[in-house]
Amino acid sequence: MSNEKQCSSASSCDRSSCEGCPSAKGAHQPTDFTAKLNAGSSVKKVIAVVSGKGGVGKSLITGLLASAMQRRNKQCAVLDADITGPSMCKNLGVSGKAQASEAGILPKSATSGLKLVSANMFLPNETDPVVWRGPIISGMVKQFWSDVLWGDVDYMFVDMPPGTGDVPLTVFQSLPVDGIIIVTSPQELVSMIVAKAVKMAKMMNIPIIGLVENYAYFHCPDNGKDYEIFGPSHLNATAKEYGLQVLARLPINPELAQACDAGKLTECKLEGIEACCDYIESNLK
C-alpha cells in the first residue's frame, strides 16, 4: 500500500507524497516501546532465557547461570518475568516483601549477593495466584526494569514465561536484550519448540546465544552409564538446521531438585553451566 493511503485523510488525499502533510505527521513513525532503565541503575548485558513450551527448566537454568556468573565476581541479577508462575524466590532462597526508597523499588538479594525481583515479593501470600490480564502482566515486567533500583549489574538474566505471548514480546521490545538462550528437552517436538523461539527472535532482531538441553540423560551412580530417559537427543540436528551453538546438555539430577526445594540453587555447580558462562563471556562483548 502506498504511503498516502495509510493516514487518516487517505480517502480524500490527492497528494503523491505524505511529505509536508499535517494529517500524516507521525503517522508512519514506528512506535517506540523502549522502557527507560531506573536512573540509579546500570545494566551492561541482558540475557533472556526462553523456550517455546513450559516444563523444560528455564527457571532452573536461569538461576544456575546467574549464580555461576556471580561466583566469577560479576554482579548479577535475575528479573523474574514469569509473573503468573514465579519460582525464582524459592529456588534462590529469597524471602520477604520488596521494599522501596525514594529512588525506586529495592531488589532482594540471595546469600551469594545475586539480586532478584519477582512477582511473589509483591503478593500478600506467596501462594496467591496472579489472575491478571496480559497488559497488566506486561506492565509489571516493564516496571521491574524501570522502577527497580538495580544498581550496577554486569549480567541481568531474565527468566521468561513459556511461549511467544505478551511477556516475551514486551521483553524483546522494551528491554535492551543482548541475546537469548533457548532451553530445550530431548523429545522429538524439540525441533518445533526451537523453531518457534528462533523465528520470534529473528522477527524481533534478537541475537541467539545458543541452546541448552535439559533432562538430556541420567547418569547412573552405580554403574557409571548414561541413560537417555526421554529418548535420543535431537539437539545437534536441530542446532545444525538453524545454525545455532549447542552450549550444554544437562543431565537429570535429583540433587538440583532438592537444592531448589531448599532454596540453595546458588550453591550448585555444573560443568555444563560453567561451559555456558565461558561461551557468554567470550562471545557476548
C-alpha atoms as a PDB file:
ATOM      1  CA  MET A   1       0.000   0.000   0.000  1.00  0.00           C
ATOM      2  CA  SER A   2       1.345   3.442  -0.889  1.00  0.00           C
ATOM      3  CA  ASN A   3       2.139   5.971   1.823  1.00  0.00           C
ATOM      4  CA  GLU A   4      -0.756   8.294   1.015  1.00  0.00           C
ATOM      5  CA  LYS A   5      -3.282   5.517   1.681  1.00  0.00           C
ATOM      6  CA  GLN A   6      -2.143   4.968   5.292  1.00  0.00           C
ATOM      7  CA  CYS A   7      -3.044   8.243   7.003  1.00  0.00           C
ATOM      8  CA  SER A   8      -6.371   9.410   8.389  1.00  0.00           C
ATOM      9  CA  SER A   9      -7.191  11.600   5.375  1.00  0.00           C
ATOM     10  CA  ALA A  10      -6.237   8.992   2.747  1.00  0.00           C
ATOM     11  CA  SER A  11      -9.724   8.803   1.222  1.00  0.00           C
ATOM     12  CA  SER A  12      -9.689  12.482   0.194  1.00  0.00           C
ATOM     13  CA  CYS A  13      -5.983  12.930  -0.424  1.00  0.00           C
ATOM     14  CA  ASP A  14      -4.673  13.783  -3.887  1.00  0.00           C
ATOM     15  CA  ARG A  15      -1.024  14.144  -2.924  1.00  0.00           C
ATOM     16  CA  SER A  16       1.639  11.938  -4.459  1.00  0.00           C
ATOM     17  CA  SER A  17       3.584  12.011  -1.191  1.00  0.00           C
ATOM     18  CA  CYS A  18       2.808  12.425   2.519  1.00  0.00           C
ATOM     19  CA  GLU A  19       5.739  14.800   2.939  1.00  0.00           C
ATOM     20  CA  GLY A  20       4.605  18.104   4.404  1.00  0.00           C
ATOM     21  CA  CYS A  21       1.055  16.916   5.078  1.00  0.00           C
ATOM     22  CA  PRO A  22      -0.104  17.780   8.637  1.00  0.00           C
ATOM     23  CA  SER A  23      -2.517  14.821   8.669  1.00  0.00           C
ATOM     24  CA  ALA A  24       0.368  12.417   8.179  1.00  0.00           C
ATOM     25  CA  LYS A  25       2.542  13.897  10.911  1.00  0.00           C
ATOM     26  CA  GLY A  26       3.836  10.966  12.949  1.00  0.00           C
ATOM     27  CA  ALA A  27       1.520   8.530  11.170  1.00  0.00           C
ATOM     28  CA  HIS A  28       4.358   6.489   9.720  1.00  0.00           C
ATOM     29  CA  GLN A  29       6.763   6.667  12.646  1.00  0.00           C
ATOM     30  CA  PRO A  30       7.327   3.278  14.313  1.00  0.00           C
ATOM     31  CA  THR A  31       6.124   3.118  17.906  1.00  0.00           C
ATOM     32  CA  ASP A  32       8.928   3.133  20.449  1.00  0.00           C
ATOM     33  CA  PHE A  33       8.178   0.596  23.192  1.00  0.00           C
ATOM     34  CA  THR A  34      11.543   1.001  24.913  1.00  0.00           C
ATOM     35  CA  ALA A  35      11.335   1.131  28.707  1.00  0.00           C
ATOM     36  CA  LYS A  36      13.715   3.517  30.432  1.00  0.00           C
ATOM     37  CA  LEU A  37      16.071   1.970  32.963  1.00  0.00           C
ATOM     38  CA  ASN A  38      15.915   3.307  36.515  1.00  0.00           C
ATOM     39  CA  ALA A  39      18.148   6.371  36.805  1.00  0.00           C
ATOM     40  CA  GLY A  40      20.141   4.799  39.631  1.00  0.00           C
ATOM     41  CA  SER A  41      20.915   1.624  37.687  1.00  0.00           C
ATOM     42  CA  SER A  42      23.437   0.454  35.125  1.00  0.00           C
ATOM     43  CA  VAL A  43      22.971  -2.899  33.397  1.00  0.00           C
ATOM     44  CA  LYS A  44      25.735  -3.932  30.994  1.00  0.00           C
ATOM     45  CA  LYS A  45      24.278  -7.120  29.484  1.00  0.00           C
ATOM     46  CA  VAL A  46      20.739  -8.537  29.387  1.00  0.00           C
ATOM     47  CA  ILE A  47      20.249 -12.228  28.607  1.00  0.00           C
ATOM     48  CA  ALA A  48      16.780 -13.752  28.301  1.00  0.00           C
ATOM     49  CA  VAL A  49      16.247 -17.461  28.942  1.00  0.00           C
ATOM     50  CA  VAL A  50      13.389 -18.704  26.775  1.00  0.00           C
ATOM     51  CA  SER A  51      11.578 -21.760  25.467  1.00  0.00           C
ATOM     52  CA  GLY A  52       8.637 -22.498  23.215  1.00  0.00           C
ATOM     53  CA  LYS A  53       6.967 -24.574  25.950  1.00  0.00           C
ATOM     54  CA  GLY A  54       6.787 -24.939  29.703  1.00  0.00           C
ATOM     55  CA  GLY A  55       8.368 -27.518  31.951  1.00  0.00           C
ATOM     56  CA  VAL A  56      11.802 -27.626  30.336  1.00  0.00           C
ATOM     57  CA  GLY A  57      13.639 -25.921  33.203  1.00  0.00           C
ATOM     58  CA  LYS A  58      14.014 -22.268  32.201  1.00  0.00           C
ATOM     59  CA  SER A  59      13.953 -21.053  35.791  1.00  0.00           C
ATOM     60  CA  LEU A  60      16.464 -23.707  36.811  1.00  0.00           C
ATOM     61  CA  ILE A  61      18.855 -22.737  34.007  1.00  0.00           C
ATOM     62  CA  THR A  62      18.364 -19.024  34.735  1.00  0.00           C
ATOM     63  CA  GLY A  63      19.236 -19.495  38.391  1.00  0.00           C
ATOM     64  CA  LEU A  64      22.235 -21.699  37.633  1.00  0.00           C
ATOM     65  CA  LEU A  65      23.645 -19.293  35.033  1.00  0.00           C
ATOM     66  CA  ALA A  66      23.202 -16.220  37.237  1.00  0.00           C
ATOM     67  CA  SER A  67      24.736 -17.998  40.237  1.00  0.00           C
ATOM     68  CA  ALA A  68      27.707 -19.254  38.221  1.00  0.00           C
ATOM     69  CA  MET A  69      28.374 -15.777  36.849  1.00  0.00           C
ATOM     70  CA  GLN A  70      28.092 -14.312  40.350  1.00  0.00           C
ATOM     71  CA  ARG A  71      30.820 -16.698  41.517  1.00  0.00           C
ATOM     72  CA  ARG A  72      33.038 -15.242  38.778  1.00  0.00           C
ATOM     73  CA  ASN A  73      32.993 -11.907  40.597  1.00  0.00           C
ATOM     74  CA  LYS A  74      30.366 -10.473  38.286  1.00  0.00           C
ATOM     75  CA  GLN A  75      27.443  -8.599  39.800  1.00  0.00           C
ATOM     76  CA  CYS A  76      24.427 -10.469  38.504  1.00  0.00           C
ATOM     77  CA  ALA A  77      20.686 -10.058  38.772  1.00  0.00           C
ATOM     78  CA  VAL A  78      17.585 -12.025  37.872  1.00  0.00           C
ATOM     79  CA  LEU A  79      14.454 -10.339  36.585  1.00  0.00           C
ATOM     80  CA  ASP A  80      11.702 -12.918  37.015  1.00  0.00           C
ATOM     81  CA  ALA A  81       9.399 -12.157  34.079  1.00  0.00           C
ATOM     82  CA  ASP A  82       7.284 -15.263  34.694  1.00  0.00           C
ATOM     83  CA  ILE A  83       4.695 -13.197  36.543  1.00  0.00           C
ATOM     84  CA  THR A  84       1.977 -15.862  36.819  1.00  0.00           C
ATOM     85  CA  GLY A  85       4.352 -18.702  37.678  1.00  0.00           C
ATOM     86  CA  PRO A  86       7.230 -17.167  39.661  1.00  0.00           C
ATOM     87  CA  SER A  87       9.667 -19.655  41.176  1.00  0.00           C
ATOM     88  CA  MET A  88      12.947 -17.783  41.487  1.00  0.00           C
ATOM     89  CA  CYS A  89      12.424 -16.708  45.110  1.00  0.00           C
ATOM     90  CA  LYS A  90      12.015 -20.339  46.148  1.00  0.00           C
ATOM     91  CA  ASN A  91      14.932 -21.541  44.031  1.00  0.00           C
ATOM     92  CA  LEU A  92      17.356 -18.908  45.301  1.00  0.00           C
ATOM     93  CA  GLY A  93      16.245 -18.899  48.940  1.00  0.00           C
ATOM     94  CA  VAL A  94      14.976 -15.317  48.863  1.00  0.00           C
ATOM     95  CA  SER A  95      12.035 -14.389  51.093  1.00  0.00           C
ATOM     96  CA  GLY A  96      10.220 -11.300  52.276  1.00  0.00           C
ATOM     97  CA  LYS A  97       8.431  -8.442  50.576  1.00  0.00           C
ATOM     98  CA  ALA A  98      10.086  -5.897  48.333  1.00  0.00           C
ATOM     99  CA  GLN A  99      10.849  -2.549  49.918  1.00  0.00           C
ATOM    100  CA  ALA A 100      11.153   0.830  48.273  1.00  0.00           C
ATOM    101  CA  SER A 101      13.099   4.049  48.660  1.00  0.00           C
ATOM    102  CA  GLU A 102      12.691   7.427  47.024  1.00  0.00           C
ATOM    103  CA  ALA A 103      14.973   6.181  44.244  1.00  0.00           C
ATOM    104  CA  GLY A 104      12.882   3.109  43.452  1.00  0.00           C
ATOM    105  CA  ILE A 105      11.978  -0.443  44.406  1.00  0.00           C
ATOM    106  CA  LEU A 106      14.826  -2.301  46.101  1.00  0.00           C
ATOM    107  CA  PRO A 107      15.678  -5.784  44.806  1.00  0.00           C
ATOM    108  CA  LYS A 108      16.176  -8.614  47.273  1.00  0.00           C
ATOM    109  CA  SER A 109      19.491 -10.473  47.402  1.00  0.00           C
ATOM    110  CA  ALA A 110      20.377 -14.132  47.777  1.00  0.00           C
ATOM    111  CA  THR A 111      23.163 -15.103  50.177  1.00  0.00           C
ATOM    112  CA  SER A 112      25.596 -15.004  47.251  1.00  0.00           C
ATOM    113  CA  GLY A 113      24.765 -11.355  46.558  1.00  0.00           C
ATOM    114  CA  LEU A 114      22.716 -12.217  43.473  1.00  0.00           C
ATOM    115  CA  LYS A 115      19.945  -9.624  43.055  1.00  0.00           C
ATOM    116  CA  LEU A 116      16.352 -10.617  42.338  1.00  0.00           C
ATOM    117  CA  VAL A 117      12.943  -9.119  41.685  1.00  0.00           C
ATOM    118  CA  SER A 118       9.936 -11.425  41.346  1.00  0.00           C
ATOM    119  CA  ALA A 119       6.156 -11.101  41.490  1.00  0.00           C
ATOM    120  CA  ASN A 120       5.980 -13.100  44.728  1.00  0.00           C
ATOM    121  CA  MET A 121       7.659 -10.188  46.507  1.00  0.00           C
ATOM    122  CA  PHE A 122       4.545  -8.085  45.899  1.00  0.00           C
ATOM    123  CA  LEU A 123       1.811 -10.591  46.789  1.00  0.00           C
ATOM    124  CA  PRO A 124       0.154 -10.767  50.231  1.00  0.00           C
ATOM    125  CA  ASN A 125       0.914 -14.507  50.257  1.00  0.00           C
ATOM    126  CA  GLU A 126       3.362 -16.371  48.035  1.00  0.00           C
ATOM    127  CA  THR A 127       0.675 -18.939  47.203  1.00  0.00           C
ATOM    128  CA  ASP A 128      -1.785 -16.300  45.932  1.00  0.00           C
ATOM    129  CA  PRO A 129      -2.489 -16.706  42.203  1.00  0.00           C
ATOM    130  CA  VAL A 130      -1.800 -13.859  39.809  1.00  0.00           C
ATOM    131  CA  VAL A 131      -5.056 -13.602  37.869  1.00  0.00           C
ATOM    132  CA  TRP A 132      -4.328 -10.634  35.650  1.00  0.00           C
ATOM    133  CA  ARG A 133      -4.878  -9.690  32.032  1.00  0.00           C
ATOM    134  CA  GLY A 134      -1.931  -9.659  29.645  1.00  0.00           C
ATOM    135  CA  PRO A 135      -1.425  -5.860  29.540  1.00  0.00           C
ATOM    136  CA  ILE A 136      -1.175  -5.663  33.339  1.00  0.00           C
ATOM    137  CA  ILE A 137       1.332  -8.512  33.432  1.00  0.00           C
ATOM    138  CA  SER A 138       3.382  -6.861  30.703  1.00  0.00           C
ATOM    139  CA  GLY A 139       3.248  -3.569  32.582  1.00  0.00           C
ATOM    140  CA  MET A 140       4.679  -5.224  35.681  1.00  0.00           C
ATOM    141  CA  VAL A 141       7.587  -6.605  33.685  1.00  0.00           C
ATOM    142  CA  LYS A 142       8.388  -3.102  32.431  1.00  0.00           C
ATOM    143  CA  GLN A 143       8.148  -1.782  35.994  1.00  0.00           C
ATOM    144  CA  PHE A 144      10.710  -4.362  37.082  1.00  0.00           C
ATOM    145  CA  TRP A 145      13.092  -2.735  34.622  1.00  0.00           C
ATOM    146  CA  SER A 146      12.175   0.920  35.114  1.00  0.00           C
ATOM    147  CA  ASP A 147      11.171   1.194  38.758  1.00  0.00           C
ATOM    148  CA  VAL A 148      13.695  -1.128  40.417  1.00  0.00           C
ATOM    149  CA  LEU A 149      16.934   0.330  41.752  1.00  0.00           C
ATOM    150  CA  TRP A 150      19.205  -2.384  40.366  1.00  0.00           C
ATOM    151  CA  GLY A 151      22.457  -0.511  40.926  1.00  0.00           C
ATOM    152  CA  ASP A 152      25.446  -1.666  38.878  1.00  0.00           C
ATOM    153  CA  VAL A 153      24.811  -5.007  37.185  1.00  0.00           C
ATOM    154  CA  ASP A 154      27.190  -6.834  34.855  1.00  0.00           C
ATOM    155  CA  TYR A 155      24.733  -9.520  33.727  1.00  0.00           C
ATOM    156  CA  MET A 156      20.973  -9.499  34.106  1.00  0.00           C
ATOM    157  CA  PHE A 157      19.239 -12.796  33.361  1.00  0.00           C
ATOM    158  CA  VAL A 158      15.545 -12.619  32.504  1.00  0.00           C
ATOM    159  CA  ASP A 159      13.523 -15.722  33.394  1.00  0.00           C
ATOM    160  CA  MET A 160      10.840 -15.787  30.713  1.00  0.00           C
ATOM    161  CA  PRO A 161       7.425 -17.471  30.761  1.00  0.00           C
ATOM    162  CA  PRO A 162       6.884 -20.185  28.145  1.00  0.00           C
ATOM    163  CA  GLY A 163       5.718 -19.440  24.639  1.00  0.00           C
ATOM    164  CA  THR A 164       5.696 -16.364  22.436  1.00  0.00           C
ATOM    165  CA  GLY A 165       2.947 -14.253  24.007  1.00  0.00           C
ATOM    166  CA  ASP A 166       2.624 -10.870  25.699  1.00  0.00           C
ATOM    167  CA  VAL A 167       5.575 -11.047  28.079  1.00  0.00           C
ATOM    168  CA  PRO A 168       8.240 -12.254  25.608  1.00  0.00           C
ATOM    169  CA  LEU A 169       7.034  -9.594  23.188  1.00  0.00           C
ATOM    170  CA  THR A 170       7.241  -6.938  25.920  1.00  0.00           C
ATOM    171  CA  VAL A 171      10.727  -8.005  26.982  1.00  0.00           C
ATOM    172  CA  PHE A 172      12.056  -8.060  23.420  1.00  0.00           C
ATOM    173  CA  GLN A 173      10.517  -4.676  22.579  1.00  0.00           C
ATOM    174  CA  SER A 174      11.113  -2.856  25.858  1.00  0.00           C
ATOM    175  CA  LEU A 175      14.404  -4.165  27.260  1.00  0.00           C
ATOM    176  CA  PRO A 176      17.827  -3.962  25.573  1.00  0.00           C
ATOM    177  CA  VAL A 177      18.211  -7.733  25.249  1.00  0.00           C
ATOM    178  CA  ASP A 178      21.730  -8.643  24.115  1.00  0.00           C
ATOM    179  CA  GLY A 179      20.879 -12.261  23.404  1.00  0.00           C
ATOM    180  CA  ILE A 180      18.699 -15.220  24.287  1.00  0.00           C
ATOM    181  CA  ILE A 181      19.431 -18.742  25.446  1.00  0.00           C
ATOM    182  CA  ILE A 182      16.883 -21.312  24.287  1.00  0.00           C
ATOM    183  CA  VAL A 183      16.219 -24.175  26.713  1.00  0.00           C
ATOM    184  CA  THR A 184      15.002 -27.465  25.253  1.00  0.00           C
ATOM    185  CA  SER A 185      14.379 -31.080  26.219  1.00  0.00           C
ATOM    186  CA  PRO A 186      15.226 -34.262  24.279  1.00  0.00           C
ATOM    187  CA  GLN A 187      11.760 -35.121  22.912  1.00  0.00           C
ATOM    188  CA  GLU A 188      11.116 -35.079  19.172  1.00  0.00           C
ATOM    189  CA  LEU A 189       8.969 -31.957  19.460  1.00  0.00           C
ATOM    190  CA  VAL A 190      12.128 -30.037  20.379  1.00  0.00           C
ATOM    191  CA  SER A 191      12.514 -29.040  16.732  1.00  0.00           C
ATOM    192  CA  MET A 192       9.137 -27.321  16.747  1.00  0.00           C
ATOM    193  CA  ILE A 193       9.864 -25.669  20.109  1.00  0.00           C
ATOM    194  CA  VAL A 194      13.187 -24.307  18.937  1.00  0.00           C
ATOM    195  CA  ALA A 195      11.707 -23.194  15.618  1.00  0.00           C
ATOM    196  CA  LYS A 196       9.117 -21.013  17.362  1.00  0.00           C
ATOM    197  CA  ALA A 197      11.721 -19.378  19.594  1.00  0.00           C
ATOM    198  CA  VAL A 198      14.166 -18.886  16.734  1.00  0.00           C
ATOM    199  CA  LYS A 199      11.560 -17.324  14.452  1.00  0.00           C
ATOM    200  CA  MET A 200      10.359 -14.926  17.147  1.00  0.00           C
ATOM    201  CA  ALA A 201      13.936 -13.898  17.937  1.00  0.00           C
ATOM    202  CA  LYS A 202      14.595 -13.201  14.257  1.00  0.00           C
ATOM    203  CA  MET A 203      11.369 -11.224  13.954  1.00  0.00           C
ATOM    204  CA  MET A 204      12.498  -9.061  16.873  1.00  0.00           C
ATOM    205  CA  ASN A 205      16.151  -8.879  15.745  1.00  0.00           C
ATOM    206  CA  ILE A 206      17.387 -10.507  18.957  1.00  0.00           C
ATOM    207  CA  PRO A 207      20.657 -12.486  18.748  1.00  0.00           C
ATOM    208  CA  ILE A 208      20.532 -16.156  19.781  1.00  0.00           C
ATOM    209  CA  ILE A 209      23.442 -17.116  22.026  1.00  0.00           C
ATOM    210  CA  GLY A 210      22.771 -20.847  21.840  1.00  0.00           C
ATOM    211  CA  LEU A 211      20.863 -23.911  23.017  1.00  0.00           C
ATOM    212  CA  VAL A 212      20.833 -25.718  26.350  1.00  0.00           C
ATOM    213  CA  GLU A 213      19.281 -29.175  26.513  1.00  0.00           C
ATOM    214  CA  ASN A 214      17.896 -30.026  29.937  1.00  0.00           C
ATOM    215  CA  TYR A 215      16.981 -33.555  31.120  1.00  0.00           C
ATOM    216  CA  ALA A 216      19.317 -34.876  28.421  1.00  0.00           C
ATOM    217  CA  TYR A 217      20.204 -38.101  30.235  1.00  0.00           C
ATOM    218  CA  PHE A 218      20.543 -39.746  33.638  1.00  0.00           C
ATOM    219  CA  HIS A 219      23.992 -40.690  34.878  1.00  0.00           C
ATOM    220  CA  CYS A 220      23.702 -43.818  36.981  1.00  0.00           C
ATOM    221  CA  PRO A 221      25.993 -43.585  40.026  1.00  0.00           C
ATOM    222  CA  ASP A 222      26.015 -47.387  40.399  1.00  0.00           C
ATOM    223  CA  ASN A 223      27.404 -48.381  37.011  1.00  0.00           C
ATOM    224  CA  GLY A 224      28.605 -45.080  35.574  1.00  0.00           C
ATOM    225  CA  LYS A 225      26.438 -45.376  32.470  1.00  0.00           C
ATOM    226  CA  ASP A 226      24.296 -42.641  30.926  1.00  0.00           C
ATOM    227  CA  TYR A 227      20.661 -43.428  30.138  1.00  0.00           C
ATOM    228  CA  GLU A 228      18.567 -41.277  27.806  1.00  0.00           C
ATOM    229  CA  ILE A 229      15.327 -41.441  29.785  1.00  0.00           C
ATOM    230  CA  PHE A 230      13.377 -39.303  27.301  1.00  0.00           C
ATOM    231  CA  GLY A 231      14.848 -40.949  24.226  1.00  0.00           C
ATOM    232  CA  PRO A 232      17.735 -39.984  21.968  1.00  0.00           C
ATOM    233  CA  SER A 233      18.614 -36.324  21.649  1.00  0.00           C
ATOM    234  CA  HIS A 234      17.675 -34.368  18.526  1.00  0.00           C
ATOM    235  CA  LEU A 235      19.614 -31.322  19.652  1.00  0.00           C
ATOM    236  CA  ASN A 236      22.581 -31.485  17.293  1.00  0.00           C
ATOM    237  CA  ALA A 237      20.375 -31.908  14.236  1.00  0.00           C
ATOM    238  CA  THR A 238      18.163 -29.037  15.323  1.00  0.00           C
ATOM    239  CA  ALA A 239      21.160 -26.810  16.050  1.00  0.00           C
ATOM    240  CA  LYS A 240      22.610 -27.587  12.639  1.00  0.00           C
ATOM    241  CA  GLU A 241      19.300 -26.852  10.923  1.00  0.00           C
ATOM    242  CA  TYR A 242      19.161 -23.336  12.374  1.00  0.00           C
ATOM    243  CA  GLY A 243      22.890 -22.676  12.590  1.00  0.00           C
ATOM    244  CA  LEU A 244      22.901 -22.477  16.381  1.00  0.00           C
ATOM    245  CA  GLN A 245      25.519 -23.203  19.028  1.00  0.00           C
ATOM    246  CA  VAL A 246      24.935 -26.090  21.472  1.00  0.00           C
ATOM    247  CA  LEU A 247      26.019 -24.661  24.814  1.00  0.00           C
ATOM    248  CA  ALA A 248      25.354 -27.642  27.085  1.00  0.00           C
ATOM    249  CA  ARG A 249      23.472 -30.912  27.599  1.00  0.00           C
ATOM    250  CA  LEU A 250      22.486 -31.166  31.248  1.00  0.00           C
ATOM    251  CA  PRO A 251      21.632 -34.458  32.985  1.00  0.00           C
ATOM    252  CA  ILE A 252      18.637 -35.287  35.134  1.00  0.00           C
ATOM    253  CA  ASN A 253      19.947 -34.555  38.606  1.00  0.00           C
ATOM    254  CA  PRO A 254      17.812 -35.189  41.724  1.00  0.00           C
ATOM    255  CA  GLU A 255      20.231 -33.070  43.756  1.00  0.00           C
ATOM    256  CA  LEU A 256      19.189 -30.000  41.761  1.00  0.00           C
ATOM    257  CA  ALA A 257      15.543 -30.577  42.668  1.00  0.00           C
ATOM    258  CA  GLN A 258      16.492 -30.888  46.322  1.00  0.00           C
ATOM    259  CA  ALA A 259      18.567 -27.693  46.112  1.00  0.00           C
ATOM    260  CA  CYS A 260      15.627 -25.783  44.608  1.00  0.00           C
ATOM    261  CA  ASP A 261      13.288 -27.037  47.319  1.00  0.00           C
ATOM    262  CA  ALA A 262      15.804 -25.936  49.959  1.00  0.00           C
ATOM    263  CA  GLY A 263      16.446 -22.563  48.299  1.00  0.00           C
ATOM    264  CA  LYS A 264      20.094 -23.405  47.742  1.00  0.00           C
ATOM    265  CA  LEU A 265      20.366 -23.302  43.959  1.00  0.00           C
ATOM    266  CA  THR A 266      23.123 -20.669  44.242  1.00  0.00           C
ATOM    267  CA  GLU A 267      25.382 -23.356  45.737  1.00  0.00           C
ATOM    268  CA  CYS A 268      25.036 -25.766  42.794  1.00  0.00           C
ATOM    269  CA  LYS A 269      27.855 -26.111  40.296  1.00  0.00           C
ATOM    270  CA  LEU A 270      27.519 -27.908  36.956  1.00  0.00           C
ATOM    271  CA  GLU A 271      30.210 -28.410  34.344  1.00  0.00           C
ATOM    272  CA  GLY A 272      27.746 -27.680  31.544  1.00  0.00           C
ATOM    273  CA  ILE A 273      26.701 -24.376  33.115  1.00  0.00           C
ATOM    274  CA  GLU A 274      30.318 -23.328  33.528  1.00  0.00           C
ATOM    275  CA  ALA A 275      30.833 -24.020  29.819  1.00  0.00           C
ATOM    276  CA  CYS A 276      27.825 -21.786  29.056  1.00  0.00           C
ATOM    277  CA  CYS A 277      29.331 -18.979  31.101  1.00  0.00           C
ATOM    278  CA  ASP A 278      32.668 -19.376  29.316  1.00  0.00           C
ATOM    279  CA  TYR A 279      30.891 -19.014  25.986  1.00  0.00           C
ATOM    280  CA  ILE A 280      28.866 -16.000  27.136  1.00  0.00           C
ATOM    281  CA  GLU A 281      31.936 -14.163  28.417  1.00  0.00           C
ATOM    282  CA  SER A 282      33.871 -14.915  25.226  1.00  0.00           C
ATOM    283  CA  ASN A 283      31.155 -14.105  22.709  1.00  0.00           C
ATOM    284  CA  LEU A 284      28.893 -11.510  24.291  1.00  0.00           C
ATOM    285  CA  LYS A 285      31.044  -8.405  24.150  1.00  0.00           C
END
